[in-house]
Amino acid sequence: MSAVYDAIVIGGGQAGLASGYHLKRKGLRFVVLEANDQAAGSWPRYYDSLKLFSPARFSSLPGMSLPGSPNGYPLKQEVIRYLRDYTSRFQLPVKTNQRVTEVRKNGDLFTIATSTGEVYRTKSVISATGAFHNPYTPDIKGREDFKGRILHSSEYRNPEPFIGQRVVVVGRGNSAIQIGVELAEVSRTSLAVLRPVQFVKQKVWGQDLHFWIKLVGFDTFPFWRFGKKVPVSGSVIDLGQYEEKLAAGKPDQFPMFTSFYADGVVWQNGTKEPVDAVIFATGYRPSLTYLGSTGALDAEGRPLQVAGVSSTVPGLYYVGLEGQRSFASATLRGVGPDARFVVKRLLRHITQ
């Protein structure tokens, strides 16, 4: 019979590592199960030029600061190295290549099965896989007829494959703007948006925007305590003259197209335009199918939870959900406080 853990963390990205840090501080027996061959979450799959939208001093996991200038904006590879070093420094028990396929609740214990055939037993579970494993692409009329290339921003790496092409990027968030601006240097690129892009300044009165967000308490304001949904910002942080470049038409922006046709897209005014590629920067949806048999999810597959504590399955917790407890949840700067809160609740559960 396999040993029984106090807790098992599913997912070895930033949310899972922050959870592991707090579990270790409490002296609990736990393991982190990571589906891939390294504990870096979704970061290796992001586009090459990605950099954080918040400076390093506001973007660290608990117990260890991001290296480099506190006021710098770390790049993708710097974050990946940081996550590797974090795992090593705190000697977190991460098991890689352990993709969880099913979680079952048997009495007071959970049984967790992985794709390799391993089976684990535990008193509690922290689901830390977040929402970045299930890219969302809207179903648009004529898509099956389009002969060009359609991809999600999660599949985009760099502009090289699109040199000289006609490209449409769907979306108006930070990733859509970063990708669109980068592509506009080598291709004819437009943004397709439901509403015009709105910007906020990176620096206000000489300080990064996140300094003021943190100072006034908005970043960690506990909306959940008042039964309120955490608001989602509809503005883009202007890290690199993005507003100026959009104003110059590099890229330009148009109201969202209505449909595809064989060679391109049909804009709202009825104009057909040939297009080589369409990139959807349209976000993600939860992918927690491994919890399907536990009763933890609603009809649309979303977790039934309050502040990271399951509403229907005692002993089940979450870290890394967008808007879980605050505006910062699901970010590098937000998963630490969320993990601390969840581990306190978890400790009460396993010791009662």
Protein backbone atom coordinates (compact mmCIF):
# COMPACT_ATOMS: atom_id res chain seq x y z
CA MET A 1 0.00 0.00 0.00
CA SER A 2 1.42 3.40 -0.95
CA ALA A 3 2.24 6.00 1.69
CA VAL A 4 -0.31 8.69 2.55
CA TYR A 5 0.78 12.31 2.05
CA ASP A 6 -0.55 15.26 3.99
CA ALA A 7 -0.94 17.10 0.69
CA ILE A 8 -0.33 16.65 -3.01
CA VAL A 9 0.09 19.64 -5.28
CA ILE A 10 -0.98 19.16 -8.90
CA GLY A 11 1.13 21.40 -11.12
CA GLY A 12 4.75 22.54 -10.73
CA GLY A 13 4.47 26.07 -12.12
CA GLN A 14 4.55 29.27 -10.11
CA ALA A 15 1.33 28.42 -8.23
CA GLY A 16 2.52 24.91 -7.38
CA LEU A 17 5.96 26.07 -6.25
CA ALA A 18 4.47 28.79 -4.03
CA SER A 19 2.19 26.15 -2.52
CA GLY A 20 5.16 23.86 -1.96
CA TYR A 21 7.05 26.64 -0.19
CA HIS A 22 4.29 27.16 2.35
CA LEU A 23 3.65 23.44 2.80
CA LYS A 24 7.32 22.90 3.57
CA ARG A 25 7.35 25.77 6.06
CA LYS A 26 4.54 24.01 7.93
CA GLY A 27 6.52 20.76 7.99
CA LEU A 28 3.94 18.80 6.03
CA ARG A 29 4.63 15.66 4.01
CA PHE A 30 3.83 16.47 0.41
CA VAL A 31 4.82 16.07 -3.22
CA VAL A 32 4.37 18.27 -6.30
CA LEU A 33 3.27 16.42 -9.44
CA GLU A 34 4.34 18.17 -12.66
CA ALA A 35 3.16 16.98 -16.09
CA ASN A 36 6.20 18.22 -18.00
CA ASP A 37 9.94 17.56 -17.69
CA GLN A 38 10.65 20.72 -15.69
CA ALA A 39 8.95 22.77 -12.99
CA ALA A 40 8.37 25.93 -15.00
CA GLY A 41 4.65 25.90 -15.62
CA SER A 42 3.48 27.46 -18.88
CA TRP A 43 6.46 29.78 -19.24
CA PRO A 44 8.40 27.60 -21.74
CA ARG A 45 5.39 27.69 -24.08
CA TYR A 46 5.05 31.48 -24.20
CA TYR A 47 6.34 33.59 -27.10
CA ASP A 48 10.07 34.31 -27.11
CA SER A 49 9.93 38.07 -26.52
CA LEU A 50 7.52 37.94 -23.58
CA LYS A 51 8.47 40.03 -20.59
CA LEU A 52 6.66 40.66 -17.34
CA PHE A 53 4.31 43.60 -17.16
CA SER A 54 5.32 44.24 -13.55
CA PRO A 55 8.87 44.99 -12.29
CA ALA A 56 10.91 42.32 -10.53
CA ARG A 57 10.43 43.79 -7.07
CA PHE A 58 6.67 43.21 -7.32
CA SER A 59 6.88 39.85 -9.12
CA SER A 60 8.63 37.37 -6.85
CA LEU A 61 7.51 34.16 -5.22
CA PRO A 62 7.66 33.93 -1.40
CA GLY A 63 11.10 33.69 0.15
CA MET A 64 13.21 34.49 -2.91
CA SER A 65 13.46 37.64 -5.00
CA LEU A 66 13.79 37.65 -8.76
CA PRO A 67 17.44 38.39 -9.63
CA GLY A 68 18.56 41.51 -11.47
CA SER A 69 17.39 45.07 -11.15
CA PRO A 70 14.36 45.42 -8.85
CA ASN A 71 12.92 47.92 -11.30
CA GLY A 72 13.60 45.79 -14.40
CA TYR A 73 11.02 43.76 -16.31
CA PRO A 74 12.24 40.13 -16.46
CA LEU A 75 12.15 38.27 -19.77
CA LYS A 76 10.66 34.83 -20.34
CA GLN A 77 13.98 32.95 -20.02
CA GLU A 78 14.86 34.84 -16.84
CA VAL A 79 11.60 33.75 -15.24
CA ILE A 80 12.17 30.12 -16.29
CA ARG A 81 15.65 30.15 -14.70
CA TYR A 82 14.18 31.74 -11.59
CA LEU A 83 11.57 29.00 -11.21
CA ARG A 84 14.24 26.30 -11.62
CA ASP A 85 16.47 27.98 -9.03
CA TYR A 86 13.51 28.39 -6.69
CA THR A 87 12.77 24.65 -6.78
CA SER A 88 16.41 23.87 -6.07
CA ARG A 89 16.92 26.45 -3.32
CA PHE A 90 14.00 25.24 -1.25
CA GLN A 91 14.50 21.58 -2.23
CA LEU A 92 10.87 21.21 -3.18
CA PRO A 93 9.85 17.58 -3.83
CA VAL A 94 8.78 17.89 -7.47
CA LYS A 95 8.12 14.77 -9.53
CA THR A 96 8.23 15.56 -13.25
CA ASN A 97 6.51 13.75 -16.13
CA GLN A 98 3.61 12.96 -13.81
CA ARG A 99 0.51 14.17 -15.64
CA VAL A 100 -2.51 13.71 -13.39
CA THR A 101 -5.37 11.95 -15.17
CA GLU A 102 -7.86 11.48 -12.36
CA VAL A 103 -8.53 12.46 -8.77
CA ARG A 104 -10.97 10.43 -6.69
CA LYS A 105 -12.23 10.99 -3.15
CA ASN A 106 -12.44 7.80 -1.09
CA GLY A 107 -13.73 8.58 2.38
CA ASP A 108 -11.27 10.96 3.99
CA LEU A 109 -8.52 10.29 1.45
CA PHE A 110 -7.89 11.25 -2.17
CA THR A 111 -6.46 8.86 -4.74
CA ILE A 112 -4.54 10.44 -7.61
CA ALA A 113 -3.67 8.57 -10.81
CA THR A 114 -1.10 9.75 -13.37
CA SER A 115 -0.49 8.96 -17.02
CA THR A 116 2.52 6.80 -16.10
CA GLY A 117 0.33 4.47 -14.02
CA GLU A 118 1.48 5.84 -10.67
CA VAL A 119 -1.11 6.09 -7.89
CA TYR A 120 -0.79 8.42 -4.92
CA ARG A 121 -2.85 8.80 -1.74
CA THR A 122 -3.23 11.99 0.23
CA LYS A 123 -5.31 13.75 2.89
CA SER A 124 -5.61 16.91 0.80
CA VAL A 125 -5.09 18.20 -2.72
CA ILE A 126 -4.02 21.58 -4.08
CA SER A 127 -4.92 22.01 -7.73
CA ALA A 128 -2.30 24.44 -9.04
CA THR A 129 -2.56 23.90 -12.78
CA GLY A 130 -4.16 27.30 -13.31
CA ALA A 131 -5.98 28.15 -16.51
CA PHE A 132 -3.19 28.30 -19.08
CA HIS A 133 -3.42 24.78 -20.47
CA ASN A 134 -6.65 25.18 -22.38
CA PRO A 135 -6.35 27.93 -25.02
CA TYR A 136 -9.68 29.46 -25.98
CA THR A 137 -10.49 30.24 -29.62
CA PRO A 138 -13.99 31.49 -30.48
CA ASP A 139 -16.00 29.60 -33.07
CA ILE A 140 -16.32 31.97 -36.03
CA LYS A 141 -18.36 31.32 -39.14
CA GLY A 142 -16.40 30.01 -42.12
CA ARG A 143 -13.37 28.92 -40.13
CA GLU A 144 -13.36 25.47 -41.72
CA ASP A 145 -13.19 27.07 -45.18
CA PHE A 146 -10.19 29.28 -44.48
CA LYS A 147 -7.06 28.09 -46.29
CA GLY A 148 -4.62 30.20 -44.30
CA ARG A 149 -3.08 29.54 -40.93
CA ILE A 150 -5.06 29.84 -37.67
CA LEU A 151 -3.30 29.64 -34.34
CA HIS A 152 -3.69 30.68 -30.73
CA SER A 153 -1.19 33.03 -29.12
CA SER A 154 0.03 30.07 -27.05
CA GLU A 155 1.42 28.61 -30.29
CA TYR A 156 3.14 31.83 -31.38
CA ARG A 157 6.90 32.02 -30.74
CA ASN A 158 8.42 34.78 -32.89
CA PRO A 159 7.68 36.80 -36.06
CA GLU A 160 10.05 34.92 -38.37
CA PRO A 161 7.40 32.61 -39.96
CA PHE A 162 5.24 35.65 -40.78
CA ILE A 163 7.73 37.90 -42.55
CA GLY A 164 6.05 39.73 -45.42
CA GLN A 165 2.63 38.22 -44.71
CA ARG A 166 -0.81 39.70 -44.00
CA VAL A 167 -1.63 38.87 -40.38
CA VAL A 168 -4.63 39.57 -38.16
CA VAL A 169 -4.25 39.33 -34.37
CA VAL A 170 -7.55 38.91 -32.53
CA GLY A 171 -7.62 40.53 -29.10
CA ARG A 172 -6.98 43.75 -27.22
CA GLY A 173 -5.06 42.61 -24.13
CA ASN A 174 -1.39 42.80 -23.22
CA SER A 175 -0.37 39.69 -25.16
CA ALA A 176 -2.28 40.74 -28.28
CA ILE A 177 -0.57 44.13 -28.28
CA GLN A 178 2.91 42.73 -27.65
CA ILE A 179 2.53 40.19 -30.45
CA GLY A 180 0.87 42.67 -32.82
CA VAL A 181 3.56 45.32 -32.34
CA GLU A 182 6.30 42.75 -32.85
CA LEU A 183 4.70 41.35 -36.01
CA ALA A 184 4.08 44.82 -37.45
CA GLU A 185 7.84 45.26 -37.78
CA VAL A 186 8.03 42.49 -40.38
CA SER A 187 4.50 42.08 -41.75
CA ARG A 188 1.26 43.90 -42.50
CA THR A 189 -0.52 43.34 -39.20
CA SER A 190 -3.89 44.47 -37.87
CA LEU A 191 -5.65 43.95 -34.56
CA ALA A 192 -9.26 42.74 -34.68
CA VAL A 193 -10.98 44.05 -31.56
CA LEU A 194 -14.44 44.16 -30.02
CA ARG A 195 -13.62 47.57 -28.55
CA PRO A 196 -10.72 49.97 -29.21
CA VAL A 197 -7.56 49.24 -27.23
CA GLN A 198 -7.18 51.29 -24.05
CA PHE A 199 -3.82 52.04 -22.45
CA VAL A 200 -2.58 52.90 -19.01
CA LYS A 201 0.84 54.43 -18.43
CA GLN A 202 3.61 52.17 -17.20
CA LYS A 203 4.90 54.93 -14.91
CA VAL A 204 2.91 57.49 -12.94
CA TRP A 205 4.80 60.31 -11.20
CA GLY A 206 8.06 58.44 -11.71
CA GLN A 207 6.90 55.16 -10.21
CA ASP A 208 5.74 51.98 -11.93
CA LEU A 209 1.97 51.58 -11.99
CA HIS A 210 2.24 48.51 -9.75
CA PHE A 211 3.80 50.65 -7.00
CA TRP A 212 0.58 52.67 -6.77
CA ILE A 213 -1.66 49.60 -7.11
CA LYS A 214 0.17 48.04 -4.17
CA LEU A 215 0.27 51.28 -2.17
CA VAL A 216 -3.50 51.79 -2.25
CA GLY A 217 -4.13 48.10 -1.56
CA PHE A 218 -6.01 47.36 -4.78
CA ASP A 219 -3.62 44.59 -5.79
CA THR A 220 -4.58 42.41 -2.84
CA PHE A 221 -7.98 43.80 -1.87
CA PRO A 222 -10.09 40.79 -0.72
CA PHE A 223 -13.12 41.22 -2.99
CA TRP A 224 -14.18 37.66 -2.16
CA ARG A 225 -14.86 38.58 1.47
CA PHE A 226 -17.64 40.86 0.27
CA GLY A 227 -19.08 38.37 -2.20
CA LYS A 228 -17.78 40.42 -5.12
CA LYS A 229 -16.10 39.21 -8.29
CA VAL A 230 -12.58 40.51 -8.77
CA PRO A 231 -12.64 43.15 -11.54
CA VAL A 232 -10.61 42.43 -14.67
CA SER A 233 -8.66 45.30 -16.18
CA GLY A 234 -9.53 46.11 -19.78
CA SER A 235 -6.46 48.28 -20.26
CA VAL A 236 -3.02 47.51 -21.65
CA ILE A 237 0.11 48.56 -19.78
CA ASP A 238 2.21 50.57 -22.21
CA LEU A 239 5.67 49.01 -21.72
CA GLY A 240 7.30 50.10 -24.94
CA GLN A 241 5.63 52.96 -26.80
CA TYR A 242 2.77 50.64 -27.73
CA GLU A 243 0.22 53.45 -27.79
CA GLU A 244 2.44 55.48 -30.09
CA LYS A 245 2.91 52.55 -32.45
CA LEU A 246 -0.82 51.81 -32.65
CA ALA A 247 -1.46 55.49 -33.36
CA ALA A 248 0.98 55.18 -36.26
CA GLY A 249 -0.84 52.10 -37.59
CA LYS A 250 1.86 49.58 -36.65
CA PRO A 251 -0.35 47.66 -36.08
CA ASP A 252 -3.66 49.29 -36.93
CA GLN A 253 -6.94 48.10 -35.43
CA PHE A 254 -10.37 47.30 -36.84
CA PRO A 255 -13.67 46.12 -35.36
CA MET A 256 -13.73 42.34 -35.14
CA PHE A 257 -14.35 40.58 -38.46
CA THR A 258 -17.64 38.75 -38.85
CA SER A 259 -16.49 35.59 -40.63
CA PHE A 260 -13.80 33.79 -42.58
CA TYR A 261 -13.86 32.91 -46.24
CA ALA A 262 -11.46 30.71 -48.18
CA ASP A 263 -8.76 33.33 -48.67
CA GLY A 264 -9.21 35.58 -45.66
CA VAL A 265 -11.67 37.44 -43.44
CA VAL A 266 -14.85 39.46 -43.92
CA TRP A 267 -14.80 42.76 -42.03
CA GLN A 268 -17.91 44.31 -40.49
CA ASN A 269 -18.44 46.62 -43.47
CA GLY A 270 -18.66 43.58 -45.74
CA THR A 271 -15.18 43.97 -47.23
CA LYS A 272 -13.38 40.72 -47.97
CA GLU A 273 -9.64 40.83 -47.42
CA PRO A 274 -7.09 38.11 -48.21
CA VAL A 275 -5.17 37.10 -45.09
CA ASP A 276 -2.27 34.69 -44.58
CA ALA A 277 -2.67 34.05 -40.86
CA VAL A 278 -4.98 34.80 -37.93
CA ILE A 279 -3.61 34.66 -34.39
CA PHE A 280 -6.16 34.48 -31.57
CA ALA A 281 -4.91 36.16 -28.39
CA THR A 282 -8.23 35.34 -26.74
CA GLY A 283 -7.16 33.84 -23.45
CA TYR A 284 -7.81 30.50 -21.83
CA ARG A 285 -10.52 28.47 -20.16
CA PRO A 286 -10.17 26.20 -17.13
CA SER A 287 -9.00 22.65 -17.84
CA LEU A 288 -9.58 20.63 -14.70
CA THR A 289 -10.95 17.44 -16.21
CA TYR A 290 -8.98 15.33 -13.73
CA LEU A 291 -11.43 16.55 -11.05
CA GLY A 292 -14.48 15.53 -13.07
CA SER A 293 -15.53 12.61 -10.87
CA THR A 294 -15.18 14.49 -7.57
CA GLY A 295 -18.14 16.86 -7.89
CA ALA A 296 -15.78 19.81 -7.64
CA LEU A 297 -16.76 21.44 -10.96
CA ASP A 298 -19.85 23.15 -12.30
CA ALA A 299 -21.58 22.23 -15.57
CA GLU A 300 -19.07 24.29 -17.56
CA GLY A 301 -16.03 22.72 -15.89
CA ARG A 302 -15.25 25.65 -13.62
CA PRO A 303 -14.23 24.97 -10.01
CA LEU A 304 -16.83 25.52 -7.34
CA GLN A 305 -14.73 27.43 -4.84
CA VAL A 306 -14.43 30.48 -2.67
CA ALA A 307 -10.97 32.05 -2.25
CA GLY A 308 -9.32 28.80 -3.34
CA VAL A 309 -11.27 26.53 -0.99
CA SER A 310 -13.55 23.99 -2.66
CA SER A 311 -17.23 24.56 -1.87
CA THR A 312 -18.19 20.94 -2.47
CA VAL A 313 -15.17 18.72 -1.73
CA PRO A 314 -13.56 18.99 1.73
CA GLY A 315 -9.76 18.83 1.50
CA LEU A 316 -9.58 20.20 -2.05
CA TYR A 317 -7.96 23.59 -2.69
CA TYR A 318 -6.83 25.78 -5.57
CA VAL A 319 -3.96 28.16 -6.23
CA GLY A 320 -3.41 30.02 -9.50
CA LEU A 321 -6.99 30.79 -10.53
CA GLU A 322 -7.56 34.22 -12.05
CA GLY A 323 -9.41 36.43 -9.57
CA GLN A 324 -9.20 33.73 -6.91
CA ARG A 325 -8.78 36.15 -4.00
CA SER A 326 -7.53 39.40 -5.46
CA PHE A 327 -6.58 41.33 -8.57
CA ALA A 328 -3.05 39.82 -8.35
CA SER A 329 -4.17 36.19 -8.15
CA ALA A 330 -2.68 33.92 -10.86
CA THR A 331 0.38 36.18 -11.23
CA LEU A 332 3.89 35.67 -9.89
CA ARG A 333 3.25 38.35 -7.28
CA GLY A 334 -0.16 36.97 -6.33
CA VAL A 335 0.25 33.20 -5.97
CA GLY A 336 2.36 33.49 -2.80
CA PRO A 337 -0.31 35.16 -0.65
CA ASP A 338 -2.99 32.89 -2.12
CA ALA A 339 -0.90 29.79 -1.35
CA ARG A 340 -0.29 30.95 2.22
CA PHE A 341 -4.02 31.43 2.76
CA VAL A 342 -4.88 28.02 1.27
CA VAL A 343 -2.21 26.13 3.22
CA LYS A 344 -3.55 27.58 6.48
CA ARG A 345 -7.00 26.27 5.61
CA LEU A 346 -5.54 22.93 4.52
CA LEU A 347 -3.66 22.55 7.81
CA ARG A 348 -6.89 23.01 9.75
CA HIS A 349 -8.55 20.34 7.64
CA ILE A 350 -5.92 17.62 8.09
CA THR A 351 -5.49 18.24 11.84
CA GLN A 352 -9.15 18.41 12.83
